[in-house]
Amino acid sequence: SSLIQVLLEIQRENRWLPKDVLKRVSQRLDVPLTQIYHIATFYKAFSLKPKGRHPVTVCLGTACQVRGAPRVLDRVIEALKINPGETSPDMQFSLDTVNCLGCCALGPVMVVDDEYYSKPTTQVIEQVITAKQIEP
């Protein structure tokens, strides 16, 4: 459990788990690097690839799916010009999908920087992304 806490802290600081940092963790905690990679790939909270400054998540769970989540995802892809699992070249945005965010009654749902947007229209999606691009 202490290893997971260390990895969460590294993820929070870097927005991903760099290989050189994981090697140092392995040495300092005397935990095999393979075990660290096993944990890092098991939990969706961790990324082995650099992530953007603003994480964007679209729920594709059943409740969101039937309420139009695929259209929301298409609009987000169009606005960000990246696909799920990718990060924008300027490192500003990362796009991911999940199977449930636990707020089914609000669906479809998009989350940007831990802020939930229920039934986001094309206009809302564009406004949120534009606002994030101009943040310092």
N, C-alpha and C. Protein backbone atom coordinates (compact mmCIF):
# COMPACT_ATOMS: atom_id res chain seq x y z
N SER A 1 0.83 -1.20 0.00
CA SER A 1 0.00 0.00 0.00
C SER A 1 0.87 1.26 0.00
N SER A 2 2.04 1.21 0.62
CA SER A 2 2.91 2.39 0.59
C SER A 2 3.43 2.63 -0.83
N LEU A 3 3.65 1.56 -1.57
CA LEU A 3 4.09 1.70 -2.95
C LEU A 3 3.03 2.43 -3.77
N ILE A 4 1.78 2.08 -3.59
CA ILE A 4 0.71 2.74 -4.33
C ILE A 4 0.66 4.22 -3.98
N GLN A 5 0.84 4.55 -2.71
CA GLN A 5 0.84 5.96 -2.30
C GLN A 5 1.99 6.72 -2.95
N VAL A 6 3.16 6.08 -3.01
CA VAL A 6 4.32 6.70 -3.66
C VAL A 6 4.02 6.93 -5.14
N LEU A 7 3.46 5.93 -5.81
CA LEU A 7 3.14 6.06 -7.22
C LEU A 7 2.08 7.13 -7.47
N LEU A 8 1.09 7.21 -6.58
CA LEU A 8 0.07 8.25 -6.72
C LEU A 8 0.68 9.64 -6.60
N GLU A 9 1.62 9.79 -5.69
CA GLU A 9 2.29 11.09 -5.52
C GLU A 9 3.11 11.45 -6.76
N ILE A 10 3.83 10.47 -7.29
CA ILE A 10 4.61 10.69 -8.51
C ILE A 10 3.68 11.06 -9.66
N GLN A 11 2.57 10.34 -9.79
CA GLN A 11 1.59 10.60 -10.85
C GLN A 11 1.02 12.01 -10.70
N ARG A 12 0.72 12.40 -9.47
CA ARG A 12 0.16 13.73 -9.24
C ARG A 12 1.15 14.83 -9.63
N GLU A 13 2.41 14.64 -9.30
CA GLU A 13 3.42 15.65 -9.58
C GLU A 13 3.78 15.74 -11.07
N ASN A 14 3.86 14.59 -11.73
CA ASN A 14 4.34 14.54 -13.11
C ASN A 14 3.25 14.36 -14.16
N ARG A 15 2.06 13.93 -13.73
CA ARG A 15 0.94 13.57 -14.60
C ARG A 15 1.23 12.28 -15.35
N TRP A 16 2.28 11.56 -14.95
CA TRP A 16 2.60 10.24 -15.50
C TRP A 16 3.72 9.65 -14.67
N LEU A 17 4.08 8.38 -14.95
CA LEU A 17 5.13 7.69 -14.19
C LEU A 17 6.35 7.48 -15.09
N PRO A 18 7.32 8.39 -15.04
CA PRO A 18 8.51 8.24 -15.87
C PRO A 18 9.34 7.02 -15.47
N LYS A 19 9.91 6.36 -16.46
CA LYS A 19 10.67 5.12 -16.24
C LYS A 19 11.84 5.33 -15.28
N ASP A 20 12.58 6.41 -15.43
CA ASP A 20 13.74 6.64 -14.55
C ASP A 20 13.31 6.82 -13.09
N VAL A 21 12.17 7.43 -12.89
CA VAL A 21 11.65 7.61 -11.53
C VAL A 21 11.22 6.27 -10.95
N LEU A 22 10.60 5.43 -11.75
CA LEU A 22 10.19 4.11 -11.29
C LEU A 22 11.40 3.25 -10.92
N LYS A 23 12.48 3.40 -11.65
CA LYS A 23 13.71 2.66 -11.32
C LYS A 23 14.24 3.09 -9.95
N ARG A 24 14.21 4.40 -9.68
CA ARG A 24 14.66 4.90 -8.37
C ARG A 24 13.75 4.40 -7.25
N VAL A 25 12.46 4.39 -7.50
CA VAL A 25 11.51 3.88 -6.50
C VAL A 25 11.82 2.41 -6.22
N SER A 26 12.07 1.66 -7.25
CA SER A 26 12.40 0.24 -7.11
C SER A 26 13.62 0.05 -6.22
N GLN A 27 14.64 0.84 -6.45
CA GLN A 27 15.86 0.73 -5.66
C GLN A 27 15.64 1.17 -4.22
N ARG A 28 14.99 2.29 -4.03
CA ARG A 28 14.81 2.84 -2.67
C ARG A 28 13.88 2.00 -1.82
N LEU A 29 12.83 1.44 -2.43
CA LEU A 29 11.88 0.64 -1.65
C LEU A 29 12.21 -0.84 -1.68
N ASP A 30 13.24 -1.19 -2.45
CA ASP A 30 13.64 -2.58 -2.61
C ASP A 30 12.46 -3.45 -3.08
N VAL A 31 11.81 -2.94 -4.12
CA VAL A 31 10.68 -3.63 -4.74
C VAL A 31 11.07 -3.88 -6.20
N PRO A 32 10.90 -5.10 -6.68
CA PRO A 32 11.27 -5.38 -8.08
C PRO A 32 10.53 -4.45 -9.05
N LEU A 33 11.25 -3.98 -10.04
CA LEU A 33 10.67 -3.09 -11.04
C LEU A 33 9.48 -3.74 -11.74
N THR A 34 9.53 -5.04 -11.92
CA THR A 34 8.41 -5.75 -12.56
C THR A 34 7.14 -5.64 -11.72
N GLN A 35 7.29 -5.67 -10.41
CA GLN A 35 6.12 -5.53 -9.53
C GLN A 35 5.56 -4.11 -9.62
N ILE A 36 6.43 -3.13 -9.71
CA ILE A 36 5.98 -1.75 -9.86
C ILE A 36 5.22 -1.58 -11.17
N TYR A 37 5.74 -2.15 -12.25
CA TYR A 37 5.05 -2.06 -13.54
C TYR A 37 3.72 -2.81 -13.50
N HIS A 38 3.68 -3.91 -12.78
CA HIS A 38 2.42 -4.66 -12.65
C HIS A 38 1.35 -3.77 -12.02
N ILE A 39 1.70 -3.08 -10.98
CA ILE A 39 0.76 -2.19 -10.30
C ILE A 39 0.41 -1.00 -11.19
N ALA A 40 1.43 -0.42 -11.82
CA ALA A 40 1.22 0.77 -12.65
C ALA A 40 0.34 0.49 -13.86
N THR A 41 0.36 -0.74 -14.35
CA THR A 41 -0.49 -1.07 -15.51
C THR A 41 -1.85 -1.61 -15.10
N PHE A 42 -1.97 -2.05 -13.86
CA PHE A 42 -3.24 -2.61 -13.38
C PHE A 42 -4.25 -1.50 -13.10
N TYR A 43 -3.81 -0.43 -12.45
CA TYR A 43 -4.72 0.64 -12.05
C TYR A 43 -4.80 1.73 -13.11
N LYS A 44 -6.03 2.11 -13.47
CA LYS A 44 -6.23 3.13 -14.49
C LYS A 44 -5.78 4.52 -14.03
N ALA A 45 -5.60 4.69 -12.75
CA ALA A 45 -5.16 5.98 -12.23
C ALA A 45 -3.73 6.31 -12.66
N PHE A 46 -2.98 5.30 -13.07
CA PHE A 46 -1.58 5.50 -13.44
C PHE A 46 -1.41 5.52 -14.96
N SER A 47 -0.43 6.29 -15.40
CA SER A 47 -0.11 6.33 -16.83
C SER A 47 1.40 6.20 -17.01
N LEU A 48 1.79 5.39 -17.96
CA LEU A 48 3.20 5.24 -18.30
C LEU A 48 3.57 6.14 -19.48
N LYS A 49 2.61 6.93 -19.94
CA LYS A 49 2.84 7.89 -21.02
C LYS A 49 2.54 9.29 -20.48
N PRO A 50 3.27 10.29 -20.97
CA PRO A 50 2.99 11.67 -20.52
C PRO A 50 1.53 12.05 -20.78
N LYS A 51 0.95 12.74 -19.81
CA LYS A 51 -0.44 13.20 -19.92
C LYS A 51 -0.47 14.71 -19.99
N GLY A 52 -1.53 15.23 -20.56
CA GLY A 52 -1.69 16.67 -20.68
C GLY A 52 -2.04 17.33 -19.36
N ARG A 53 -1.90 18.62 -19.36
CA ARG A 53 -2.17 19.42 -18.16
C ARG A 53 -3.64 19.34 -17.74
N HIS A 54 -4.52 19.18 -18.72
CA HIS A 54 -5.95 19.12 -18.45
C HIS A 54 -6.51 17.77 -18.89
N PRO A 55 -6.80 16.88 -17.94
CA PRO A 55 -7.39 15.60 -18.31
C PRO A 55 -8.87 15.78 -18.67
N VAL A 56 -9.26 15.16 -19.78
CA VAL A 56 -10.65 15.20 -20.24
C VAL A 56 -11.12 13.75 -20.31
N THR A 57 -12.25 13.47 -19.66
CA THR A 57 -12.78 12.11 -19.63
C THR A 57 -14.24 12.15 -20.06
N VAL A 58 -14.59 11.20 -20.92
CA VAL A 58 -15.99 11.06 -21.34
C VAL A 58 -16.46 9.69 -20.89
N CYS A 59 -17.60 9.65 -20.20
CA CYS A 59 -18.17 8.39 -19.74
C CYS A 59 -18.90 7.70 -20.89
N LEU A 60 -18.58 6.42 -21.07
CA LEU A 60 -19.27 5.62 -22.09
C LEU A 60 -20.03 4.47 -21.46
N GLY A 61 -20.38 4.59 -20.19
CA GLY A 61 -21.17 3.57 -19.52
C GLY A 61 -22.55 3.47 -20.14
N THR A 62 -23.27 2.44 -19.78
CA THR A 62 -24.57 2.17 -20.39
C THR A 62 -25.53 3.34 -20.29
N ALA A 63 -25.67 3.92 -19.10
CA ALA A 63 -26.62 5.04 -18.93
C ALA A 63 -26.22 6.23 -19.81
N CYS A 64 -24.93 6.54 -19.86
CA CYS A 64 -24.46 7.64 -20.70
C CYS A 64 -24.56 7.27 -22.17
N GLN A 65 -24.27 6.03 -22.48
CA GLN A 65 -24.31 5.53 -23.86
C GLN A 65 -25.69 5.76 -24.49
N VAL A 66 -26.75 5.38 -23.76
CA VAL A 66 -28.10 5.51 -24.30
C VAL A 66 -28.57 6.96 -24.33
N ARG A 67 -27.88 7.83 -23.62
CA ARG A 67 -28.26 9.25 -23.59
C ARG A 67 -27.39 10.10 -24.51
N GLY A 68 -26.55 9.46 -25.33
CA GLY A 68 -25.82 10.24 -26.33
C GLY A 68 -24.33 10.41 -26.11
N ALA A 69 -23.72 9.61 -25.26
CA ALA A 69 -22.29 9.74 -25.01
C ALA A 69 -21.43 9.63 -26.27
N PRO A 70 -21.76 8.75 -27.22
CA PRO A 70 -20.94 8.69 -28.43
C PRO A 70 -20.88 10.03 -29.18
N ARG A 71 -21.99 10.75 -29.21
CA ARG A 71 -22.00 12.07 -29.86
C ARG A 71 -21.14 13.07 -29.08
N VAL A 72 -21.21 13.00 -27.74
CA VAL A 72 -20.38 13.88 -26.92
C VAL A 72 -18.91 13.58 -27.19
N LEU A 73 -18.56 12.30 -27.21
CA LEU A 73 -17.18 11.91 -27.48
C LEU A 73 -16.73 12.42 -28.85
N ASP A 74 -17.58 12.28 -29.86
CA ASP A 74 -17.23 12.78 -31.20
C ASP A 74 -16.96 14.28 -31.18
N ARG A 75 -17.78 15.03 -30.44
CA ARG A 75 -17.59 16.48 -30.35
C ARG A 75 -16.29 16.83 -29.64
N VAL A 76 -15.97 16.07 -28.59
CA VAL A 76 -14.72 16.32 -27.85
C VAL A 76 -13.51 15.98 -28.73
N ILE A 77 -13.58 14.88 -29.44
CA ILE A 77 -12.50 14.50 -30.36
C ILE A 77 -12.29 15.60 -31.40
N GLU A 78 -13.38 16.10 -31.94
CA GLU A 78 -13.31 17.16 -32.94
C GLU A 78 -12.70 18.44 -32.35
N ALA A 79 -13.10 18.79 -31.13
CA ALA A 79 -12.60 20.01 -30.50
C ALA A 79 -11.13 19.91 -30.12
N LEU A 80 -10.72 18.75 -29.59
CA LEU A 80 -9.34 18.58 -29.12
C LEU A 80 -8.40 18.13 -30.24
N LYS A 81 -8.96 17.54 -31.28
CA LYS A 81 -8.18 16.99 -32.39
C LYS A 81 -7.24 15.86 -31.93
N ILE A 82 -7.72 15.09 -30.95
CA ILE A 82 -7.02 13.88 -30.48
C ILE A 82 -8.05 12.80 -30.22
N ASN A 83 -7.62 11.56 -30.21
CA ASN A 83 -8.49 10.42 -29.93
C ASN A 83 -8.32 9.97 -28.49
N PRO A 84 -9.26 9.16 -27.99
CA PRO A 84 -9.11 8.63 -26.63
C PRO A 84 -7.77 7.90 -26.47
N GLY A 85 -7.13 8.15 -25.33
CA GLY A 85 -5.82 7.55 -25.05
C GLY A 85 -4.66 8.41 -25.53
N GLU A 86 -4.97 9.54 -26.16
CA GLU A 86 -3.92 10.41 -26.70
C GLU A 86 -3.80 11.70 -25.89
N THR A 87 -2.68 12.36 -26.10
CA THR A 87 -2.40 13.65 -25.49
C THR A 87 -2.11 14.63 -26.62
N SER A 88 -2.59 15.85 -26.49
CA SER A 88 -2.36 16.85 -27.54
C SER A 88 -0.87 17.16 -27.65
N PRO A 89 -0.41 17.51 -28.84
CA PRO A 89 1.02 17.79 -29.04
C PRO A 89 1.56 18.89 -28.12
N ASP A 90 0.71 19.84 -27.75
CA ASP A 90 1.15 20.93 -26.86
C ASP A 90 1.09 20.55 -25.38
N MET A 91 0.73 19.27 -25.10
CA MET A 91 0.66 18.74 -23.73
C MET A 91 -0.39 19.43 -22.87
N GLN A 92 -1.38 20.05 -23.49
CA GLN A 92 -2.43 20.73 -22.73
C GLN A 92 -3.56 19.79 -22.34
N PHE A 93 -3.91 18.83 -23.23
CA PHE A 93 -5.06 17.97 -22.99
C PHE A 93 -4.72 16.50 -23.20
N SER A 94 -5.34 15.66 -22.39
CA SER A 94 -5.35 14.21 -22.59
C SER A 94 -6.80 13.79 -22.60
N LEU A 95 -7.14 12.87 -23.49
CA LEU A 95 -8.52 12.41 -23.61
C LEU A 95 -8.60 10.93 -23.27
N ASP A 96 -9.51 10.59 -22.38
CA ASP A 96 -9.76 9.21 -22.01
C ASP A 96 -11.25 8.95 -21.94
N THR A 97 -11.61 7.68 -22.00
CA THR A 97 -12.99 7.28 -21.78
C THR A 97 -13.01 6.31 -20.60
N VAL A 98 -14.14 6.25 -19.93
CA VAL A 98 -14.32 5.32 -18.83
C VAL A 98 -15.68 4.65 -18.99
N ASN A 99 -15.85 3.54 -18.28
CA ASN A 99 -17.12 2.81 -18.36
C ASN A 99 -18.15 3.30 -17.35
N CYS A 100 -17.73 4.04 -16.35
CA CYS A 100 -18.69 4.62 -15.40
C CYS A 100 -18.00 5.64 -14.53
N LEU A 101 -18.68 6.76 -14.31
CA LEU A 101 -18.19 7.79 -13.40
C LEU A 101 -19.02 7.83 -12.12
N GLY A 102 -20.04 7.00 -12.06
CA GLY A 102 -20.86 6.94 -10.85
C GLY A 102 -21.88 8.05 -10.73
N CYS A 103 -22.20 8.71 -11.83
CA CYS A 103 -23.21 9.77 -11.80
C CYS A 103 -24.17 9.58 -12.96
N CYS A 104 -24.70 8.39 -13.06
CA CYS A 104 -25.51 7.96 -14.20
C CYS A 104 -26.70 8.87 -14.49
N ALA A 105 -27.30 9.44 -13.48
CA ALA A 105 -28.47 10.29 -13.68
C ALA A 105 -28.12 11.59 -14.41
N LEU A 106 -26.85 11.95 -14.43
CA LEU A 106 -26.42 13.18 -15.08
C LEU A 106 -26.04 12.98 -16.54
N GLY A 107 -25.98 11.74 -16.99
CA GLY A 107 -25.43 11.38 -18.28
C GLY A 107 -26.11 12.00 -19.48
N PRO A 108 -25.36 12.14 -20.56
CA PRO A 108 -23.94 11.81 -20.69
C PRO A 108 -23.08 12.84 -19.98
N VAL A 109 -21.91 12.40 -19.52
CA VAL A 109 -21.05 13.24 -18.70
C VAL A 109 -19.65 13.35 -19.28
N MET A 110 -19.12 14.57 -19.23
CA MET A 110 -17.73 14.85 -19.57
C MET A 110 -17.09 15.46 -18.32
N VAL A 111 -15.85 15.07 -18.02
CA VAL A 111 -15.14 15.62 -16.87
C VAL A 111 -13.86 16.28 -17.38
N VAL A 112 -13.65 17.52 -16.96
CA VAL A 112 -12.42 18.24 -17.31
C VAL A 112 -11.85 18.80 -16.01
N ASP A 113 -10.62 18.41 -15.70
CA ASP A 113 -9.97 18.87 -14.46
C ASP A 113 -10.87 18.64 -13.24
N ASP A 114 -11.45 17.47 -13.15
CA ASP A 114 -12.31 17.08 -12.03
C ASP A 114 -13.61 17.88 -11.94
N GLU A 115 -13.97 18.62 -12.99
CA GLU A 115 -15.25 19.32 -13.04
C GLU A 115 -16.17 18.55 -13.97
N TYR A 116 -17.37 18.23 -13.47
CA TYR A 116 -18.33 17.42 -14.22
C TYR A 116 -19.26 18.31 -15.04
N TYR A 117 -19.48 17.91 -16.31
CA TYR A 117 -20.38 18.62 -17.20
C TYR A 117 -21.44 17.63 -17.67
N SER A 118 -22.68 17.90 -17.27
CA SER A 118 -23.80 17.03 -17.61
C SER A 118 -24.41 17.47 -18.94
N LYS A 119 -24.59 16.50 -19.83
CA LYS A 119 -25.20 16.75 -21.14
C LYS A 119 -24.54 17.93 -21.86
N PRO A 120 -23.21 17.91 -21.99
CA PRO A 120 -22.54 19.07 -22.61
C PRO A 120 -22.86 19.21 -24.09
N THR A 121 -23.22 20.41 -24.46
CA THR A 121 -23.48 20.72 -25.87
C THR A 121 -22.15 21.02 -26.57
N THR A 122 -22.19 21.12 -27.87
CA THR A 122 -20.99 21.48 -28.62
C THR A 122 -20.45 22.81 -28.13
N GLN A 123 -21.35 23.76 -27.87
CA GLN A 123 -20.95 25.09 -27.41
C GLN A 123 -20.26 25.00 -26.05
N VAL A 124 -20.78 24.23 -25.12
CA VAL A 124 -20.17 24.07 -23.79
C VAL A 124 -18.79 23.43 -23.92
N ILE A 125 -18.70 22.39 -24.73
CA ILE A 125 -17.42 21.71 -24.92
C ILE A 125 -16.38 22.70 -25.44
N GLU A 126 -16.73 23.47 -26.44
CA GLU A 126 -15.79 24.45 -27.01
C GLU A 126 -15.44 25.53 -26.00
N GLN A 127 -16.41 25.99 -25.21
CA GLN A 127 -16.14 27.03 -24.20
C GLN A 127 -15.19 26.52 -23.13
N VAL A 128 -15.42 25.31 -22.66
CA VAL A 128 -14.56 24.74 -21.62
C VAL A 128 -13.13 24.58 -22.13
N ILE A 129 -12.99 24.05 -23.33
CA ILE A 129 -11.65 23.83 -23.89
C ILE A 129 -10.94 25.15 -24.15
N THR A 130 -11.65 26.13 -24.68
CA THR A 130 -11.05 27.45 -24.92
C THR A 130 -10.61 28.09 -23.61
N ALA A 131 -11.44 27.98 -22.58
CA ALA A 131 -11.10 28.56 -21.28
C ALA A 131 -9.86 27.90 -20.70
N LYS A 132 -9.72 26.59 -20.85
CA LYS A 132 -8.55 25.87 -20.34
C LYS A 132 -7.29 26.24 -21.11
N GLN A 133 -7.43 26.52 -22.40
CA GLN A 133 -6.27 26.86 -23.22
C GLN A 133 -5.66 28.20 -22.82
N ILE A 134 -6.49 29.10 -22.32
CA ILE A 134 -5.97 30.43 -21.98
C ILE A 134 -5.59 30.56 -20.50
N GLU A 135 -5.81 29.49 -19.72
CA GLU A 135 -5.39 29.55 -18.31
C GLU A 135 -3.87 29.64 -18.23
N PRO A 136 -3.38 30.40 -17.24
CA PRO A 136 -1.92 30.52 -17.08
C PRO A 136 -1.28 29.22 -16.67
